[in-house]
Structure formats: C-alpha cells, structure tokens
Amino acid sequence: PYFFIGGMINQLLAGNKNWDFYLQESAWVALAWIGYWGFHGISTMLSHTATFKILAEMRHRLTDKLARLPLGIVLSQSSGSYKNIIVERVDATETTLAHLIPEFTAGIFGPIIVLIAMLVIDWRLTLLSLLTIPVVALAYMRMVANSETDYQNTLVKTKKLNDTAVEYINGIEVIKVFGKEKFSYDKFVTAAREGADCFIEWMRKFNLEMGIVTAFLPSGLLFLLPAGCYFYLQGSLTASNFILMIILSLSLLTPLILVASYMDDLRKIGTIFGQVIDILEKPDLKRPQDLRELPKGRDLVMTNVSFGYTNEEEVLHGISLDIKTGSINALVGPSGSGKSTIAKLLA
C-alpha cells in the first residue's frame, strides 16, 4: 500500500484532479490491507492450532516421564516446582510460539523487501536512513553481552517465587492447621521482593543503552530528510521519489520494533525448553521386562538397604526390617531420621 499512497501524493503534487484515479488507488490500498489482515488471521489461526498441539504433547510427555522416573529423582524437586514447569512455564510459551512464525517472519522479510525497493529508488538515501542502525546495534549488543549474569539471576528468583507461591496456595489449609501462617507468608513475601528487585536492578544497569535504542531505532529520517532536501535542490532527486523514500523509511520502523520485542521472548522460551528437556532426559527407573519370580507371601522385608536421593549423599544406611502380613507396625524416630523415606521405599 505504501507505493499506492506515494503515487497518490505524487499525483496531488503534479496537480492531477482526476477523482477516479484516487478512488482506484484507494481501492487498491483497501484491498492490500484486507488481504494483509485476512492472511494474518489465517496464519495466526494455523499457528495457534499447532501451538496448542505442541503444548499438549509437551505436557503428556512430562507427566508420562514423571511416572517412569526413580522416586529419588522425583522427590529431589518440590511438587510446586514440577507443577510450575508443567502448567505455568509450558503455558508461558503459548503466546510467543503462536505469534512467532507469522509475525516474526513477516517482521524480517517485510523490511528486507522494503529495503530492496529503497535501494532501487535511491541507494544514497537508503544508506543514510540506515546510519542509526549501527548505533542501535552497538547499544543492544552491549546490553546482551553484559546481561547473562542478571538474566540467570532473574530465572532463579522467578522460579523460586513461582514454586513458593504454588506451595503456599496448595498448602494453605495445612499451614493454618499447624499455625505456620507467619512463617510461610514471610517466605512468600521474601521471594516476591527478591523476584521484583532482581528485575529492577537489571533494568537500572542498562538505562543508558535502552535509552539509546529507544531514541535511535525510530530515527531513520534523521539523516534522510536533510540529505533528501539537498539532493532535491541539486536536481539529483525527484520530488516523487523523495516522498516515496520518506514513506518507505517510516514503514521500516514497526516491523523492526516487533522483531526486537521478540528477542527476550525467544530467550525465555529457550530457558523453558531447557527445563522441559532436563526432565525428559533424566534416566528412567530400571524395571524388569518380565516378572521372573512370584512373591512368596505378603511380608515386607528390607535387608541391609542403603539409599540416597543423589549419588553424592546417602540418607539410609544398612536398614533391615521384617513386617509380617496383617501385623500393625510403627516407625519411630526423631525428625529427619528417615521414617518417611523408608515408608516411601516400601510403597
């Protein structure tokens, strides 16, 4: 539509008063916008359908994997952490995945086509309109290069906040029964403050760079306008091409800003996929393919059993017990002595 708009402006400057011409050009502009939104709607619908299938498959694989993991690996993380990954973190990828292919792709190829058209019309003004890009790129690269530590810190603090919130909400009834409201609430408040502070400190470090990006990215006309006026006065640039270059230069801004806005989302998705892959790549519990020997009786017997949730630390050392069928037994010991661990192993 930018070419049609530029053509109408040129005809106005040339004194063309043919109303039919402007109606025809306006109709082409309207058709272009209708086509844009029509194809945008179709592509968005298809991408959303594909995204929902991907999210469903991810959740199915995660829940199936948890059922096949050793108990020690499952218990090494809190239930809130697993719920956060399977429900919240996976769901957080929906918006980016659904809009990434149609919008991000258009945001990349659209400016390339416009840039080629500008080079054909006048390569001098095209290069001048891009002079602000290196400044923006340097500021953005500086932010990216120095942000890894802060980014990892936000991931840790955000995950801690999400896990704490899930555990607090799910366990509120038990917390009230045992009178632990203050302790649990203070833990949640601390996690919330740390989660907010890490983002505030990160943004504060890069105020200058972000200001440069915000100021220079939409400033393509900064050099194009004075240079275009000079070339026009010198006679090396026509008024119609000058106006068209201004319109095309402005059309570069929105797609570039859209592409830049997806950078953080892509980084976030990479982190979430890393958490999902970390669970899916854990080793399965080794189970016999066939039952080689039927159990004799229903007694529960442990003989010299040692166990650790990880390879580095052993929590049970040489435990032996014999629980007879139909008997009533109790595991007695101080807190942290392994009673729950033994019960879970027996289960």
Foldseek 3Di string as FASTA:
>chain_A
DLVLVLVVVVCVVVVDPPPVSNVVSVVVVVVVVVVVVVVVVVLLVVQLVVLVVVLVVLLVLLVVLLVFADPLQNVVDDPLLSCCLSPVLSVLLNVCRSCVVPQLVCLVVVLVVLLVVLCVLPVVLSVLLCPLVVVLVVLVVVLVVPCPVLVVQLVVLVSQLSSLVSCCVVCVVVCVVVVNVVVSVVSNVVSVVSNVVSVVVSCVVSVPSVVSNVVRLQPSVVRNVVVLVVCVVVPNHPPSSSSSSVSSSNVSRVSVVVNVVCPVVVVSNVVSVVVSVVSSPRDGDDDDPDDPDDDDADKQWDAQDWDDSDPVDILDGGDTDIGHPPDDDDDDDDPSNCPVVVVVVSD
